[in-house]
Amino acid sequence: MEPIIIVRDLRKIYHVGEVDVHALRGVSLEVPKGEFVSIVGPSGSGKSTLFHIIGGLTSITSGQVVVDGQDLSQLTDSERTRLRRKKVGFVFQRYNLLPTLTALGNIEIARYFGGNTGPLDPEFREIIRLLGIEHRLHHKPRALSGGEQQRVAIARALVNRPAILLADEPTGNLDSENSEAVLGLLRDLNHGFGQTILMITHNPEAAAYADRILHMRDGRVVRES
């Protein structure tokens, strides 16, 4: 399977006063299209920096990152913004839903910024059904449970049919029952719709839902399982 994410000798240095902080120290990896990959590691291992670079949120110090055929180091800021809107969906630990909008409104505003108009397509309606939120679309976030809010956040991330779904600790605010449900849904999206997923987690049980686990430490991928 052709890689949808290619990372070659990626390095990221943050300048903090007079100190250089080496967040990434020569990371290389490939993710084939349709794979579900977890990235695990202790705090400060570089996994969040890698996530932000692949998502086009952070610039590269050196190396190469190719996302769905586009070399991020060759893109302008506006081009990276377009790539995020078209190619990448984000799910975070905090649901980041707009409190004044309904669940459907939160999904529709993401469609608007992605440049999509018209009715929701049948395949996305099937995703909504799979997520189990079709009967909650007209409720505002305050009327939803934490698990339901995270499912709405996943739907919002997928509404523009991104090539890649990036999930950063997606179960961090959920209890064990809702965590298992959300992780199972991510696996179903991967298996049923071929969605490529890259997930950051500190939880080994959550990481085990993926096809492959990359272990990071001190800015490097030290092994995979």
C-alpha atoms as a PDB file:
ATOM      1  CA  MET A   1       0.000   0.000   0.000  1.00  0.00           C
ATOM      2  CA  GLU A   2       1.314   3.443  -0.957  1.00  0.00           C
ATOM      3  CA  PRO A   3       2.326   5.566   2.063  1.00  0.00           C
ATOM      4  CA  ILE A   4       0.004   8.480   2.792  1.00  0.00           C
ATOM      5  CA  ILE A   5       2.431   9.883   5.378  1.00  0.00           C
ATOM      6  CA  ILE A   6       6.201   9.917   4.783  1.00  0.00           C
ATOM      7  CA  VAL A   7       8.571  11.371   7.386  1.00  0.00           C
ATOM      8  CA  ARG A   8      12.306  11.461   6.666  1.00  0.00           C
ATOM      9  CA  ASP A   9      14.990  12.518   9.162  1.00  0.00           C
ATOM     10  CA  LEU A  10      12.619  15.012  10.762  1.00  0.00           C
ATOM     11  CA  ARG A  11      14.148  17.431  13.275  1.00  0.00           C
ATOM     12  CA  LYS A  12      12.495  20.169  15.260  1.00  0.00           C
ATOM     13  CA  ILE A  13      14.338  22.636  17.478  1.00  0.00           C
ATOM     14  CA  TYR A  14      12.546  25.157  19.673  1.00  0.00           C
ATOM     15  CA  HIS A  15      14.499  28.215  20.769  1.00  0.00           C
ATOM     16  CA  VAL A  16      13.665  29.011  24.392  1.00  0.00           C
ATOM     17  CA  GLY A  17      15.636  32.099  25.328  1.00  0.00           C
ATOM     18  CA  GLU A  18      19.261  31.136  24.768  1.00  0.00           C
ATOM     19  CA  VAL A  19      18.518  27.413  25.007  1.00  0.00           C
ATOM     20  CA  ASP A  20      17.837  25.113  22.042  1.00  0.00           C
ATOM     21  CA  VAL A  21      15.310  22.392  22.843  1.00  0.00           C
ATOM     22  CA  HIS A  22      15.579  19.425  20.473  1.00  0.00           C
ATOM     23  CA  ALA A  23      12.007  18.119  20.331  1.00  0.00           C
ATOM     24  CA  LEU A  24      12.594  15.744  17.391  1.00  0.00           C
ATOM     25  CA  ARG A  25      15.958  14.161  16.603  1.00  0.00           C
ATOM     26  CA  GLY A  26      15.826  12.530  13.186  1.00  0.00           C
ATOM     27  CA  VAL A  27      12.418  10.814  13.084  1.00  0.00           C
ATOM     28  CA  SER A  28      11.663   8.676  10.034  1.00  0.00           C
ATOM     29  CA  LEU A  29       8.482   6.686   9.429  1.00  0.00           C
ATOM     30  CA  GLU A  30       5.885   5.762   6.841  1.00  0.00           C
ATOM     31  CA  VAL A  31       2.155   5.214   7.256  1.00  0.00           C
ATOM     32  CA  PRO A  32       0.380   3.338   4.445  1.00  0.00           C
ATOM     33  CA  LYS A  33      -3.049   4.536   3.384  1.00  0.00           C
ATOM     34  CA  GLY A  34      -5.755   2.930   5.490  1.00  0.00           C
ATOM     35  CA  GLU A  35      -3.554   2.054   8.465  1.00  0.00           C
ATOM     36  CA  PHE A  36      -4.386   2.799  12.118  1.00  0.00           C
ATOM     37  CA  VAL A  37      -1.189   3.773  13.954  1.00  0.00           C
ATOM     38  CA  SER A  38      -0.718   4.698  17.617  1.00  0.00           C
ATOM     39  CA  ILE A  39       2.181   6.786  18.884  1.00  0.00           C
ATOM     40  CA  VAL A  40       3.059   6.293  22.543  1.00  0.00           C
ATOM     41  CA  GLY A  41       5.739   7.725  24.778  1.00  0.00           C
ATOM     42  CA  PRO A  42       6.298   9.672  27.984  1.00  0.00           C
ATOM     43  CA  SER A  43       5.749  13.406  28.293  1.00  0.00           C
ATOM     44  CA  GLY A  44       8.482  15.224  26.376  1.00  0.00           C
ATOM     45  CA  SER A  45       9.153  12.317  24.015  1.00  0.00           C
ATOM     46  CA  GLY A  46       8.217  14.402  20.961  1.00  0.00           C
ATOM     47  CA  LYS A  47       4.966  12.708  20.030  1.00  0.00           C
ATOM     48  CA  SER A  48       2.858  15.894  20.200  1.00  0.00           C
ATOM     49  CA  THR A  49       5.426  17.832  18.160  1.00  0.00           C
ATOM     50  CA  LEU A  50       5.359  15.102  15.515  1.00  0.00           C
ATOM     51  CA  PHE A  51       1.539  15.208  15.523  1.00  0.00           C
ATOM     52  CA  HIS A  52       1.485  18.994  15.062  1.00  0.00           C
ATOM     53  CA  ILE A  53       4.019  18.896  12.228  1.00  0.00           C
ATOM     54  CA  ILE A  54       2.174  16.157  10.319  1.00  0.00           C
ATOM     55  CA  GLY A  55      -1.028  18.157  10.757  1.00  0.00           C
ATOM     56  CA  GLY A  56       0.603  21.279   9.334  1.00  0.00           C
ATOM     57  CA  LEU A  57       0.289  23.170  12.618  1.00  0.00           C
ATOM     58  CA  THR A  58       4.036  23.518  13.304  1.00  0.00           C
ATOM     59  CA  SER A  59       6.949  24.277  10.981  1.00  0.00           C
ATOM     60  CA  ILE A  60       9.892  21.946  10.321  1.00  0.00           C
ATOM     61  CA  THR A  61      13.485  22.699  11.319  1.00  0.00           C
ATOM     62  CA  SER A  62      14.918  20.140   8.892  1.00  0.00           C
ATOM     63  CA  GLY A  63      13.945  16.919   7.173  1.00  0.00           C
ATOM     64  CA  GLN A  64      10.903  16.109   5.069  1.00  0.00           C
ATOM     65  CA  VAL A  65       7.226  15.418   5.719  1.00  0.00           C
ATOM     66  CA  VAL A  66       4.944  14.385   2.853  1.00  0.00           C
ATOM     67  CA  VAL A  67       1.199  14.201   3.529  1.00  0.00           C
ATOM     68  CA  ASP A  68      -0.981  12.705   0.801  1.00  0.00           C
ATOM     69  CA  GLY A  69       1.619  13.619  -1.822  1.00  0.00           C
ATOM     70  CA  GLN A  70       2.310  17.166  -0.608  1.00  0.00           C
ATOM     71  CA  ASP A  71       5.713  18.096   0.811  1.00  0.00           C
ATOM     72  CA  LEU A  72       4.938  20.310   3.802  1.00  0.00           C
ATOM     73  CA  SER A  73       8.339  22.010   3.709  1.00  0.00           C
ATOM     74  CA  GLN A  74       7.486  23.401   0.269  1.00  0.00           C
ATOM     75  CA  LEU A  75       4.129  24.898   1.277  1.00  0.00           C
ATOM     76  CA  THR A  76       3.381  28.464   2.289  1.00  0.00           C
ATOM     77  CA  ASP A  77       1.375  29.159   5.446  1.00  0.00           C
ATOM     78  CA  SER A  78      -1.814  29.618   3.418  1.00  0.00           C
ATOM     79  CA  GLU A  79      -1.166  26.384   1.519  1.00  0.00           C
ATOM     80  CA  ARG A  80      -0.668  24.531   4.807  1.00  0.00           C
ATOM     81  CA  THR A  81      -3.979  25.955   6.002  1.00  0.00           C
ATOM     82  CA  ARG A  82      -5.717  24.634   2.884  1.00  0.00           C
ATOM     83  CA  LEU A  83      -4.086  21.236   3.396  1.00  0.00           C
ATOM     84  CA  ARG A  84      -5.395  21.102   6.980  1.00  0.00           C
ATOM     85  CA  ARG A  85      -8.910  21.938   5.829  1.00  0.00           C
ATOM     86  CA  LYS A  86      -8.950  19.463   2.948  1.00  0.00           C
ATOM     87  CA  LYS A  87      -6.661  16.592   3.946  1.00  0.00           C
ATOM     88  CA  VAL A  88      -6.535  16.386   7.751  1.00  0.00           C
ATOM     89  CA  GLY A  89      -9.161  15.945  10.446  1.00  0.00           C
ATOM     90  CA  PHE A  90      -8.279  16.664  14.083  1.00  0.00           C
ATOM     91  CA  VAL A  91      -9.709  15.131  17.259  1.00  0.00           C
ATOM     92  CA  PHE A  92      -8.373  16.412  20.569  1.00  0.00           C
ATOM     93  CA  GLN A  93      -8.707  15.463  24.219  1.00  0.00           C
ATOM     94  CA  ARG A  94     -10.829  18.589  24.724  1.00  0.00           C
ATOM     95  CA  TYR A  95     -13.813  18.357  22.418  1.00  0.00           C
ATOM     96  CA  ASN A  96     -13.590  22.059  21.385  1.00  0.00           C
ATOM     97  CA  LEU A  97     -17.236  22.204  20.353  1.00  0.00           C
ATOM     98  CA  LEU A  98     -18.799  25.655  19.950  1.00  0.00           C
ATOM     99  CA  PRO A  99     -21.274  25.899  22.846  1.00  0.00           C
ATOM    100  CA  THR A 100     -23.788  28.124  21.019  1.00  0.00           C
ATOM    101  CA  LEU A 101     -24.232  25.682  18.130  1.00  0.00           C
ATOM    102  CA  THR A 102     -25.995  22.340  18.024  1.00  0.00           C
ATOM    103  CA  ALA A 103     -24.086  19.162  17.249  1.00  0.00           C
ATOM    104  CA  LEU A 104     -25.154  19.488  13.620  1.00  0.00           C
ATOM    105  CA  GLY A 105     -24.147  23.162  13.632  1.00  0.00           C
ATOM    106  CA  ASN A 106     -20.661  22.226  14.822  1.00  0.00           C
ATOM    107  CA  ILE A 107     -20.388  19.724  11.991  1.00  0.00           C
ATOM    108  CA  GLU A 108     -21.795  22.116   9.383  1.00  0.00           C
ATOM    109  CA  ILE A 109     -19.412  24.951  10.272  1.00  0.00           C
ATOM    110  CA  ALA A 110     -16.503  22.603   9.632  1.00  0.00           C
ATOM    111  CA  ARG A 111     -18.015  21.810   6.230  1.00  0.00           C
ATOM    112  CA  TYR A 112     -18.310  25.528   5.506  1.00  0.00           C
ATOM    113  CA  PHE A 113     -14.644  26.197   6.270  1.00  0.00           C
ATOM    114  CA  GLY A 114     -13.745  23.168   4.165  1.00  0.00           C
ATOM    115  CA  GLY A 115     -15.512  24.756   1.201  1.00  0.00           C
ATOM    116  CA  ASN A 116     -18.256  22.135   0.995  1.00  0.00           C
ATOM    117  CA  THR A 117     -21.901  22.974   0.346  1.00  0.00           C
ATOM    118  CA  GLY A 118     -25.063  21.024  -0.302  1.00  0.00           C
ATOM    119  CA  PRO A 119     -26.585  18.149   1.654  1.00  0.00           C
ATOM    120  CA  LEU A 120     -24.574  15.607   3.605  1.00  0.00           C
ATOM    121  CA  ASP A 121     -23.640  12.673   1.392  1.00  0.00           C
ATOM    122  CA  PRO A 122     -25.020   9.183   2.159  1.00  0.00           C
ATOM    123  CA  GLU A 123     -21.631   7.805   3.203  1.00  0.00           C
ATOM    124  CA  PHE A 124     -21.186  10.535   5.806  1.00  0.00           C
ATOM    125  CA  ARG A 125     -24.718   9.909   7.073  1.00  0.00           C
ATOM    126  CA  GLU A 126     -23.629   6.301   7.551  1.00  0.00           C
ATOM    127  CA  ILE A 127     -20.668   7.568   9.606  1.00  0.00           C
ATOM    128  CA  ILE A 128     -23.095   9.581  11.767  1.00  0.00           C
ATOM    129  CA  ARG A 129     -25.176   6.431  12.244  1.00  0.00           C
ATOM    130  CA  LEU A 130     -22.059   4.443  13.155  1.00  0.00           C
ATOM    131  CA  LEU A 131     -21.116   7.092  15.713  1.00  0.00           C
ATOM    132  CA  GLY A 132     -24.583   6.805  17.242  1.00  0.00           C
ATOM    133  CA  ILE A 133     -25.354  10.524  17.257  1.00  0.00           C
ATOM    134  CA  GLU A 134     -28.102  10.767  14.652  1.00  0.00           C
ATOM    135  CA  HIS A 135     -30.699  11.357  17.398  1.00  0.00           C
ATOM    136  CA  ARG A 136     -28.510  13.982  19.146  1.00  0.00           C
ATOM    137  CA  LEU A 137     -27.739  16.276  16.213  1.00  0.00           C
ATOM    138  CA  HIS A 138     -30.074  19.047  17.341  1.00  0.00           C
ATOM    139  CA  HIS A 139     -28.751  19.210  20.902  1.00  0.00           C
ATOM    140  CA  LYS A 140     -26.161  21.725  22.058  1.00  0.00           C
ATOM    141  CA  PRO A 141     -22.945  20.485  23.719  1.00  0.00           C
ATOM    142  CA  ARG A 142     -24.197  21.198  27.270  1.00  0.00           C
ATOM    143  CA  ALA A 143     -26.992  18.655  26.692  1.00  0.00           C
ATOM    144  CA  LEU A 144     -24.552  15.948  25.558  1.00  0.00           C
ATOM    145  CA  SER A 145     -22.478  13.556  27.628  1.00  0.00           C
ATOM    146  CA  GLY A 146     -18.697  13.584  27.329  1.00  0.00           C
ATOM    147  CA  GLY A 147     -18.785  10.511  25.127  1.00  0.00           C
ATOM    148  CA  GLU A 148     -21.413  12.068  22.865  1.00  0.00           C
ATOM    149  CA  GLN A 149     -19.420  15.290  22.592  1.00  0.00           C
ATOM    150  CA  GLN A 150     -16.342  13.336  21.526  1.00  0.00           C
ATOM    151  CA  ARG A 151     -18.395  11.469  18.919  1.00  0.00           C
ATOM    152  CA  VAL A 152     -19.624  14.785  17.540  1.00  0.00           C
ATOM    153  CA  ALA A 153     -16.003  15.984  17.478  1.00  0.00           C
ATOM    154  CA  ILE A 154     -15.068  12.880  15.464  1.00  0.00           C
ATOM    155  CA  ALA A 155     -17.930  13.503  13.037  1.00  0.00           C
ATOM    156  CA  ARG A 156     -16.823  17.125  12.654  1.00  0.00           C
ATOM    157  CA  ALA A 157     -13.267  15.958  11.924  1.00  0.00           C
ATOM    158  CA  LEU A 158     -14.521  13.576   9.229  1.00  0.00           C
ATOM    159  CA  VAL A 159     -17.173  15.736   7.524  1.00  0.00           C
ATOM    160  CA  ASN A 160     -14.790  16.954   4.801  1.00  0.00           C
ATOM    161  CA  ARG A 161     -13.639  13.368   4.215  1.00  0.00           C
ATOM    162  CA  PRO A 162      -9.988  13.990   5.134  1.00  0.00           C
ATOM    163  CA  ALA A 163      -7.271  11.663   3.963  1.00  0.00           C
ATOM    164  CA  ILE A 164      -5.932  11.442   7.526  1.00  0.00           C
ATOM    165  CA  LEU A 165      -7.550  11.590  10.956  1.00  0.00           C
ATOM    166  CA  LEU A 166      -5.171  12.806  13.681  1.00  0.00           C
ATOM    167  CA  ALA A 167      -6.366  12.009  17.214  1.00  0.00           C
ATOM    168  CA  ASP A 168      -4.515  13.466  20.214  1.00  0.00           C
ATOM    169  CA  GLU A 169      -5.465  11.625  23.436  1.00  0.00           C
ATOM    170  CA  PRO A 170      -9.078  11.287  22.205  1.00  0.00           C
ATOM    171  CA  THR A 171     -10.181   9.397  25.333  1.00  0.00           C
ATOM    172  CA  GLY A 172      -8.276  11.497  27.873  1.00  0.00           C
ATOM    173  CA  ASN A 173     -11.452  13.107  29.269  1.00  0.00           C
ATOM    174  CA  LEU A 174     -13.621   9.984  29.149  1.00  0.00           C
ATOM    175  CA  ASP A 175     -14.397   7.227  31.627  1.00  0.00           C
ATOM    176  CA  SER A 176     -13.416   3.655  30.795  1.00  0.00           C
ATOM    177  CA  GLU A 177     -16.777   2.722  29.254  1.00  0.00           C
ATOM    178  CA  ASN A 178     -16.879   5.731  26.937  1.00  0.00           C
ATOM    179  CA  SER A 179     -13.170   5.316  26.161  1.00  0.00           C
ATOM    180  CA  GLU A 180     -13.742   1.784  24.938  1.00  0.00           C
ATOM    181  CA  ALA A 181     -16.730   2.920  22.879  1.00  0.00           C
ATOM    182  CA  VAL A 182     -14.798   5.760  21.193  1.00  0.00           C
ATOM    183  CA  LEU A 183     -11.764   3.576  20.501  1.00  0.00           C
ATOM    184  CA  GLY A 184     -14.008   0.883  19.064  1.00  0.00           C
ATOM    185  CA  LEU A 185     -15.618   3.482  16.801  1.00  0.00           C
ATOM    186  CA  LEU A 186     -12.212   4.648  15.577  1.00  0.00           C
ATOM    187  CA  ARG A 187     -11.333   1.047  14.764  1.00  0.00           C
ATOM    188  CA  ASP A 188     -14.670   0.614  12.953  1.00  0.00           C
ATOM    189  CA  LEU A 189     -14.011   3.770  10.917  1.00  0.00           C
ATOM    190  CA  ASN A 190     -10.626   2.370  10.003  1.00  0.00           C
ATOM    191  CA  HIS A 191     -11.887  -1.088   9.088  1.00  0.00           C
ATOM    192  CA  GLY A 192     -15.235  -0.108   7.551  1.00  0.00           C
ATOM    193  CA  PHE A 193     -14.282   3.066   5.675  1.00  0.00           C
ATOM    194  CA  GLY A 194     -10.526   2.661   5.210  1.00  0.00           C
ATOM    195  CA  GLN A 195      -9.871   5.820   7.235  1.00  0.00           C
ATOM    196  CA  THR A 196      -6.174   6.416   7.928  1.00  0.00           C
ATOM    197  CA  ILE A 197      -5.770   7.223  11.626  1.00  0.00           C
ATOM    198  CA  LEU A 198      -2.757   8.447  13.572  1.00  0.00           C
ATOM    199  CA  MET A 199      -3.447   8.506  17.312  1.00  0.00           C
ATOM    200  CA  ILE A 200      -1.338   9.818  20.183  1.00  0.00           C
ATOM    201  CA  THR A 201      -1.949   8.210  23.552  1.00  0.00           C
ATOM    202  CA  HIS A 202      -0.170   7.497  26.822  1.00  0.00           C
ATOM    203  CA  ASN A 203      -2.508   4.561  27.492  1.00  0.00           C
ATOM    204  CA  PRO A 204      -1.181   1.138  26.375  1.00  0.00           C
ATOM    205  CA  GLU A 205      -4.727  -0.292  26.328  1.00  0.00           C
ATOM    206  CA  ALA A 206      -5.862   2.470  23.970  1.00  0.00           C
ATOM    207  CA  ALA A 207      -2.776   2.052  21.778  1.00  0.00           C
ATOM    208  CA  ALA A 208      -3.596  -1.641  21.360  1.00  0.00           C
ATOM    209  CA  TYR A 209      -6.641  -0.770  19.222  1.00  0.00           C
ATOM    210  CA  ALA A 210      -4.263   0.254  16.412  1.00  0.00           C
ATOM    211  CA  ASP A 211      -2.659  -1.941  13.760  1.00  0.00           C
ATOM    212  CA  ARG A 212       0.802  -0.747  14.748  1.00  0.00           C
ATOM    213  CA  ILE A 213       2.340   1.069  17.718  1.00  0.00           C
ATOM    214  CA  LEU A 214       5.307   3.450  17.440  1.00  0.00           C
ATOM    215  CA  HIS A 215       7.183   4.040  20.693  1.00  0.00           C
ATOM    216  CA  MET A 216       8.910   7.412  21.107  1.00  0.00           C
ATOM    217  CA  ARG A 217      11.503   8.587  23.590  1.00  0.00           C
ATOM    218  CA  ASP A 218      13.761  11.655  23.644  1.00  0.00           C
ATOM    219  CA  GLY A 219      12.608  12.855  20.229  1.00  0.00           C
ATOM    220  CA  ARG A 220      13.116   9.543  18.438  1.00  0.00           C
ATOM    221  CA  VAL A 221      11.083   6.525  17.410  1.00  0.00           C
ATOM    222  CA  VAL A 222      12.881   3.843  19.400  1.00  0.00           C
ATOM    223  CA  ARG A 223      10.827   0.795  18.384  1.00  0.00           C
ATOM    224  CA  GLU A 224       7.531  -0.381  16.977  1.00  0.00           C
ATOM    225  CA  SER A 225       5.205  -3.208  17.921  1.00  0.00           C
END
